[in-house]
């Protein structure tokens, strides 16, 4: 595949494009992040340079579909240069703050039984450029974006190097200049990845999908738990906190009749002992062909009240993007299809 310029730092651009003097790499980097789609737009670069680069593509991907929900959520389907498809989501909160929800892989290998993306299997990891381009596509269509969450398709810590490089690019002061504290990585609980992230010293936020604090149930819902026990997961979270001094979000997808009882809350209480965490309750979003049901509002309120009675800090995620299949657990795309919109429907 052709080199992806959006996945390069200024010095890499200078080398890749044989630019002299090297500061041209910084100029091109700035233009890419200003939204330039061709070298002809880069007016502070000499014409001879622009002419010599005119056949080079700025972006390797393109938006093939987009849809918007009444709640402000937008979802785009992106066609990659190998004709694979991924999805990305724009979230807008009550303060009009915009967050880009980015995918790190096409598909996912984690096999979580409540998640539509898992039905795709893992197609491949995304390059740093393909991750960055999701942000650029969303920003071009919907305006300035202040926050990033790696909560789209895939397991970010299973594509560690490329995700980390994309963060460095999006954090770069000549580019988007997104603060590390405005970036969240969500993981299904890969303990080695959590430790490796802690070792980098990069102060991004960490969210861990717990789903259940009961070993057998978590294994049933999340096959990754067969390799990453609750004990190992807790140890890795403690290590992350010792290194970073940061509070961690535990994501708890609440599934009707599965993990929504008082005893589930009590087990969660035991797990969070000695941890500095906040539990984010995410009511399960419906997906065709998956054998689960949504919790009703009474069950959600009761479970949250039980957690509060147990002195567990808790928040509830608002249900957004469901009308465009852009909510948590609903992302999926048919691959190599002339109409990828046929997939992901719930």
Protein backbone atom coordinates (compact mmCIF):
# COMPACT_ATOMS: atom_id res chain seq x y z
CA UNK A 1 0.00 0.00 0.00
CA UNK A 2 1.08 3.56 -0.64
CA UNK A 3 2.73 5.45 2.22
CA UNK A 4 0.14 7.26 4.36
CA UNK A 5 1.35 10.86 4.78
CA UNK A 6 -1.21 11.62 7.50
CA UNK A 7 0.54 9.07 9.71
CA UNK A 8 3.89 10.85 9.64
CA UNK A 9 5.52 13.37 11.93
CA UNK A 10 7.17 16.46 10.36
CA UNK A 11 10.63 14.91 10.18
CA UNK A 12 9.24 11.74 8.62
CA UNK A 13 7.42 13.79 5.98
CA UNK A 14 10.67 15.57 5.12
CA UNK A 15 12.44 12.23 4.64
CA UNK A 16 9.59 10.52 2.78
CA UNK A 17 9.17 13.41 0.35
CA UNK A 18 12.90 14.22 0.08
CA UNK A 19 12.27 17.79 1.19
CA UNK A 20 15.10 20.27 1.55
CA UNK A 21 15.26 22.29 3.68
CA UNK A 22 13.66 19.98 6.25
CA UNK A 23 11.35 22.66 7.65
CA UNK A 24 9.16 21.98 4.61
CA UNK A 25 8.10 18.83 6.48
CA UNK A 26 6.73 21.00 9.29
CA UNK A 27 4.86 23.15 6.77
CA UNK A 28 3.28 20.14 5.10
CA UNK A 29 2.38 18.65 8.49
CA UNK A 30 0.57 21.88 9.40
CA UNK A 31 -1.30 21.93 6.10
CA UNK A 32 -2.46 18.34 6.49
CA UNK A 33 -3.93 19.21 9.89
CA UNK A 34 -5.51 22.38 8.54
CA UNK A 35 -7.49 20.12 6.21
CA UNK A 36 -5.58 20.49 2.93
CA UNK A 37 -6.56 17.82 0.43
CA UNK A 38 -3.89 18.55 -2.18
CA UNK A 39 -0.40 20.03 -2.34
CA UNK A 40 -1.69 22.81 -4.58
CA UNK A 41 -3.41 24.30 -1.51
CA UNK A 42 -0.12 24.68 0.35
CA UNK A 43 0.56 28.25 -0.72
CA UNK A 44 3.64 28.89 1.45
CA UNK A 45 5.52 26.08 -0.28
CA UNK A 46 7.42 26.97 -3.51
CA UNK A 47 5.57 26.11 -6.69
CA UNK A 48 8.28 23.71 -7.88
CA UNK A 49 7.85 21.66 -4.72
CA UNK A 50 4.09 21.61 -5.13
CA UNK A 51 4.37 20.56 -8.75
CA UNK A 52 6.77 17.74 -7.91
CA UNK A 53 4.35 16.42 -5.26
CA UNK A 54 1.08 16.88 -7.12
CA UNK A 55 0.61 13.16 -7.75
CA UNK A 56 0.94 12.31 -4.05
CA UNK A 57 -2.24 11.68 -2.09
CA UNK A 58 -2.71 13.59 1.17
CA UNK A 59 -5.28 11.16 2.56
CA UNK A 60 -5.41 7.42 1.99
CA UNK A 61 -9.09 6.99 2.86
CA UNK A 62 -12.45 8.49 1.98
CA UNK A 63 -15.86 8.83 3.60
CA UNK A 64 -18.33 6.56 1.82
CA UNK A 65 -21.37 7.09 4.04
CA UNK A 66 -22.47 9.45 6.79
CA UNK A 67 -25.51 9.60 9.00
CA UNK A 68 -26.65 11.84 11.83
CA UNK A 69 -28.91 11.33 14.82
CA UNK A 70 -31.30 13.86 16.29
CA UNK A 71 -29.24 13.87 19.49
CA UNK A 72 -26.24 15.32 17.61
CA UNK A 73 -24.34 12.07 17.16
CA UNK A 74 -22.90 11.50 13.69
CA UNK A 75 -21.40 8.34 12.23
CA UNK A 76 -19.19 8.03 9.17
CA UNK A 77 -18.23 4.90 7.26
CA UNK A 78 -14.71 5.18 5.86
CA UNK A 79 -13.30 3.26 2.92
CA UNK A 80 -9.61 2.43 3.35
CA UNK A 81 -7.10 2.11 0.54
CA UNK A 82 -7.37 -1.71 0.54
CA UNK A 83 -11.19 -1.43 0.22
CA UNK A 84 -11.77 -2.36 3.86
CA UNK A 85 -14.34 -0.33 5.78
CA UNK A 86 -14.38 1.10 9.30
CA UNK A 87 -16.71 3.38 11.24
CA UNK A 88 -16.06 6.45 13.39
CA UNK A 89 -18.44 8.48 15.50
CA UNK A 90 -18.78 12.12 16.54
CA UNK A 91 -20.30 12.68 19.97
CA UNK A 92 -21.69 16.02 21.14
CA UNK A 93 -22.44 16.63 24.83
CA UNK A 94 -24.82 19.05 26.52
CA UNK A 95 -22.14 21.77 26.44
CA UNK A 96 -21.63 21.31 22.67
CA UNK A 97 -18.23 19.76 23.31
CA UNK A 98 -17.31 17.48 20.41
CA UNK A 99 -15.55 14.17 20.88
CA UNK A 100 -14.17 11.94 18.14
CA UNK A 101 -14.72 8.24 18.81
CA UNK A 102 -12.00 6.52 16.79
CA UNK A 103 -11.43 2.94 15.70
CA UNK A 104 -8.05 1.28 16.13
CA UNK A 105 -8.72 -1.85 14.09
CA UNK A 106 -10.98 -3.00 11.30
CA UNK A 107 -13.10 -5.47 13.22
CA UNK A 108 -11.99 -6.92 16.55
CA UNK A 109 -10.53 -10.17 17.86
CA UNK A 110 -11.70 -9.86 21.47
CA UNK A 111 -14.97 -11.71 20.87
CA UNK A 112 -17.13 -9.88 23.42
CA UNK A 113 -20.50 -11.59 23.05
CA UNK A 114 -22.56 -8.43 23.57
CA UNK A 115 -20.78 -6.33 20.91
CA UNK A 116 -21.63 -6.11 17.21
CA UNK A 117 -18.03 -5.37 16.20
CA UNK A 118 -17.00 -8.79 17.51
CA UNK A 119 -19.16 -10.46 14.86
CA UNK A 120 -16.77 -9.11 12.21
CA UNK A 121 -13.71 -10.83 13.66
CA UNK A 122 -10.38 -9.10 13.23
CA UNK A 123 -9.65 -7.96 9.69
CA UNK A 124 -6.47 -6.01 10.41
CA UNK A 125 -4.84 -3.33 12.51
CA UNK A 126 -5.11 0.26 11.34
CA UNK A 127 -2.04 2.36 10.67
CA UNK A 128 -1.45 5.56 12.60
CA UNK A 129 -2.42 7.48 9.46
CA UNK A 130 -5.71 5.63 9.12
CA UNK A 131 -6.48 6.48 12.74
CA UNK A 132 -5.53 10.13 12.30
CA UNK A 133 -7.61 10.38 9.12
CA UNK A 134 -10.75 9.41 11.02
CA UNK A 135 -10.26 12.54 13.12
CA UNK A 136 -9.54 14.66 10.03
CA UNK A 137 -12.67 13.40 8.24
CA UNK A 138 -14.86 14.08 11.28
CA UNK A 139 -13.39 17.54 11.83
CA UNK A 140 -13.76 18.52 8.17
CA UNK A 141 -17.45 17.61 8.27
CA UNK A 142 -18.47 18.71 11.76
CA UNK A 143 -16.06 21.43 12.89
CA UNK A 144 -13.49 21.68 15.66
CA UNK A 145 -13.17 18.66 17.95
CA UNK A 146 -11.67 18.96 21.42
CA UNK A 147 -11.63 15.38 22.73
CA UNK A 148 -10.75 11.89 21.51
CA UNK A 149 -11.83 8.48 22.77
CA UNK A 150 -10.45 5.23 21.38
CA UNK A 151 -13.78 3.45 21.83
CA UNK A 152 -14.67 2.59 18.24
CA UNK A 153 -13.89 -0.67 16.49
CA UNK A 154 -11.10 -2.82 17.85
CA UNK A 155 -8.89 -3.17 20.90
CA UNK A 156 -6.50 -0.17 21.04
CA UNK A 157 -3.92 -1.92 23.20
CA UNK A 158 -3.70 -4.77 20.67
CA UNK A 159 -2.47 -2.18 18.15
CA UNK A 160 -0.32 -0.35 20.67
CA UNK A 161 2.44 1.15 18.52
CA UNK A 162 0.13 2.63 15.87
CA UNK A 163 -2.35 3.97 18.42
CA UNK A 164 0.48 5.57 20.36
CA UNK A 165 1.89 7.16 17.21
CA UNK A 166 -1.53 8.52 16.26
CA UNK A 167 -1.77 10.11 19.71
CA UNK A 168 1.63 11.74 19.27
CA UNK A 169 0.54 13.11 15.89
CA UNK A 170 -2.80 14.42 17.16
CA UNK A 171 -1.09 15.93 20.21
CA UNK A 172 1.60 17.68 18.16
CA UNK A 173 1.48 21.49 18.60
CA UNK A 174 1.79 22.07 14.84
CA UNK A 175 -1.20 19.82 14.24
CA UNK A 176 -4.37 19.34 16.26
CA UNK A 177 -2.65 20.04 19.60
CA UNK A 178 -5.12 17.84 21.50
CA UNK A 179 -4.10 17.66 25.15
CA UNK A 180 -3.24 14.21 26.51
CA UNK A 181 -5.83 14.63 29.25
CA UNK A 182 -8.47 15.00 26.56
CA UNK A 183 -7.63 11.58 25.11
CA UNK A 184 -9.05 8.33 26.50
CA UNK A 185 -8.00 4.81 25.60
CA UNK A 186 -10.62 2.13 26.26
CA UNK A 187 -9.47 -1.48 26.64
CA UNK A 188 -11.18 -4.80 27.20
CA UNK A 189 -8.52 -5.44 29.82
CA UNK A 190 -5.23 -6.38 28.15
CA UNK A 191 -3.02 -6.32 31.21
CA UNK A 192 0.32 -6.19 29.39
CA UNK A 193 -0.95 -3.24 27.35
CA UNK A 194 -2.14 -1.41 30.46
CA UNK A 195 1.30 -1.81 31.99
CA UNK A 196 3.03 -0.76 28.78
CA UNK A 197 0.83 2.33 28.57
CA UNK A 198 1.75 3.21 32.15
CA UNK A 199 5.44 2.89 31.28
CA UNK A 200 5.19 5.45 28.47
CA UNK A 201 4.42 8.23 30.95
CA UNK A 202 1.94 9.75 28.48
CA UNK A 203 -0.87 11.09 30.69
CA UNK A 204 -3.84 9.90 28.63
CA UNK A 205 -6.93 8.65 30.41
CA UNK A 206 -7.67 4.95 30.71
CA UNK A 207 -11.06 3.23 30.60
CA UNK A 208 -11.33 -0.51 31.27
CA UNK A 209 -14.33 -2.61 30.22
CA UNK A 210 -15.07 -4.66 33.32
CA UNK A 211 -18.66 -5.76 32.52
CA UNK A 212 -18.70 -8.13 35.48
CA UNK A 213 -16.66 -8.64 38.64
CA UNK A 214 -17.62 -12.31 38.74
CA UNK A 215 -14.99 -14.44 37.01
CA UNK A 216 -17.20 -17.04 35.32
CA UNK A 217 -19.72 -14.50 34.07
CA UNK A 218 -17.01 -12.18 32.77
CA UNK A 219 -15.45 -15.10 30.91
CA UNK A 220 -18.81 -15.92 29.32
CA UNK A 221 -19.30 -12.33 28.19
CA UNK A 222 -15.67 -11.51 27.40
CA UNK A 223 -13.48 -14.40 26.17
CA UNK A 224 -10.40 -12.26 26.83
CA UNK A 225 -11.01 -12.99 30.52
CA UNK A 226 -9.73 -16.52 29.87
CA UNK A 227 -6.26 -15.05 29.42
CA UNK A 228 -6.61 -12.00 31.67
CA UNK A 229 -8.02 -12.95 35.08
CA UNK A 230 -9.73 -10.42 37.34
CA UNK A 231 -6.77 -10.69 39.70
CA UNK A 232 -4.31 -9.91 36.91
CA UNK A 233 -6.54 -7.10 35.66
CA UNK A 234 -6.72 -5.48 39.08
CA UNK A 235 -2.96 -5.75 39.52
CA UNK A 236 -2.39 -4.02 36.18
CA UNK A 237 -4.83 -1.24 37.09
CA UNK A 238 -3.05 -0.74 40.42
CA UNK A 239 0.27 -0.58 38.54
CA UNK A 240 -1.16 2.03 36.15
CA UNK A 241 -2.37 4.12 39.06
CA UNK A 242 0.94 3.87 40.90
CA UNK A 243 2.73 5.10 37.77
CA UNK A 244 0.28 7.80 36.68
CA UNK A 245 -1.60 8.82 39.86
CA UNK A 246 -4.72 8.98 37.68
CA UNK A 247 -8.25 7.80 38.33
CA UNK A 248 -9.48 5.09 35.96
CA UNK A 249 -12.93 4.60 34.49
CA UNK A 250 -14.42 1.14 34.77
CA UNK A 251 -16.95 0.62 31.99
CA UNK A 252 -19.86 -1.57 33.01
CA UNK A 253 -22.26 -2.50 30.21
CA UNK A 254 -25.48 -3.27 32.04
CA UNK A 255 -27.30 -6.18 30.35
CA UNK A 256 -30.87 -7.00 31.32
CA UNK A 257 -31.06 -10.06 33.58
CA UNK A 258 -27.34 -10.82 33.24
CA UNK A 259 -25.19 -8.53 35.40
CA UNK A 260 -27.75 -6.18 36.91
CA UNK A 261 -28.50 -7.72 40.31
CA UNK A 262 -27.53 -6.62 43.81
CA UNK A 263 -25.02 -9.45 44.14
CA UNK A 264 -23.31 -8.17 40.98
CA UNK A 265 -22.97 -4.76 42.62
CA UNK A 266 -21.53 -6.31 45.78
CA UNK A 267 -18.90 -8.20 43.77
CA UNK A 268 -18.06 -4.96 42.01
CA UNK A 269 -17.58 -3.35 45.42
CA UNK A 270 -14.99 -6.00 46.29
CA UNK A 271 -13.16 -5.47 43.00
CA UNK A 272 -12.82 -1.71 43.38
CA UNK A 273 -11.37 -1.87 46.89
CA UNK A 274 -8.03 0.03 46.90
CA UNK A 275 -8.68 1.37 43.41
CA UNK A 276 -9.23 5.00 42.49
CA UNK A 277 -12.00 4.56 39.95
CA UNK A 278 -15.33 5.79 38.72
CA UNK A 279 -17.79 3.25 37.35
CA UNK A 280 -19.52 4.25 34.11
CA UNK A 281 -22.82 2.41 33.69
CA UNK A 282 -23.61 1.84 30.01
CA UNK A 283 -27.07 0.39 29.38
CA UNK A 284 -26.68 -2.28 26.70
CA UNK A 285 -27.68 -1.09 23.24
CA UNK A 286 -29.75 -3.50 21.15
CA UNK A 287 -28.06 -5.46 18.37
CA UNK A 288 -29.85 -7.89 16.06
CA UNK A 289 -28.98 -11.58 16.48
CA UNK A 290 -27.32 -11.15 19.88
CA UNK A 291 -29.08 -13.02 22.72
CA UNK A 292 -29.42 -10.14 25.17
CA UNK A 293 -31.97 -7.54 26.19
CA UNK A 294 -31.82 -3.96 27.38
CA UNK A 295 -32.21 -3.25 31.08
CA UNK A 296 -35.31 -1.22 31.85
CA UNK A 297 -35.05 2.18 33.48
CA UNK A 298 -36.12 0.85 36.87
CA UNK A 299 -33.35 -1.74 36.82
CA UNK A 300 -30.77 0.85 35.75
CA UNK A 301 -31.80 3.26 38.52
CA UNK A 302 -31.85 0.49 41.12
CA UNK A 303 -28.38 -0.78 40.16
CA UNK A 304 -26.92 2.72 40.25
CA UNK A 305 -28.54 3.38 43.64
CA UNK A 306 -27.04 0.14 44.98
CA UNK A 307 -23.58 1.19 43.82
CA UNK A 308 -24.03 4.58 45.47
CA UNK A 309 -25.13 2.88 48.70
CA UNK A 310 -21.92 0.84 48.50
CA UNK A 311 -19.93 4.10 48.19
CA UNK A 312 -18.83 3.42 44.61
CA UNK A 313 -18.44 6.58 42.50
CA UNK A 314 -20.74 6.07 39.52
CA UNK A 315 -21.96 7.83 36.39
CA UNK A 316 -24.44 6.78 33.71
CA UNK A 317 -23.70 7.14 30.03
CA UNK A 318 -26.49 8.78 28.09
CA UNK A 319 -27.88 6.72 25.24
CA UNK A 320 -26.80 8.52 22.09
CA UNK A 321 -26.45 7.57 18.46
CA UNK A 322 -28.69 4.50 18.55
CA UNK A 323 -30.81 5.65 15.60
CA UNK A 324 -27.69 5.56 13.38
CA UNK A 325 -26.20 2.44 15.02
CA UNK A 326 -23.45 4.60 16.43
CA UNK A 327 -23.90 3.78 20.11
CA UNK A 328 -21.59 1.66 22.25
CA UNK A 329 -21.37 -1.89 20.88
CA UNK A 330 -23.24 -1.18 17.63
CA UNK A 331 -20.38 -0.53 15.17
CA UNK A 332 -19.92 -3.05 12.37
CA UNK A 333 -19.38 -2.87 8.62
CA UNK A 334 -19.70 -5.48 5.88
CA UNK A 335 -16.32 -5.70 4.16
CA UNK A 336 -15.83 -5.39 0.40
CA UNK A 337 -19.51 -4.61 -0.02
CA UNK A 338 -20.84 -2.14 -2.56
CA UNK A 339 -23.24 -0.92 0.14
CA UNK A 340 -21.62 -1.09 3.58
CA UNK A 341 -24.70 0.62 5.00
CA UNK A 342 -26.35 -2.81 4.96
CA UNK A 343 -24.34 -3.74 8.06
CA UNK A 344 -24.46 -2.62 11.63
CA UNK A 345 -28.22 -2.35 11.66
CA UNK A 346 -29.90 -3.00 14.97
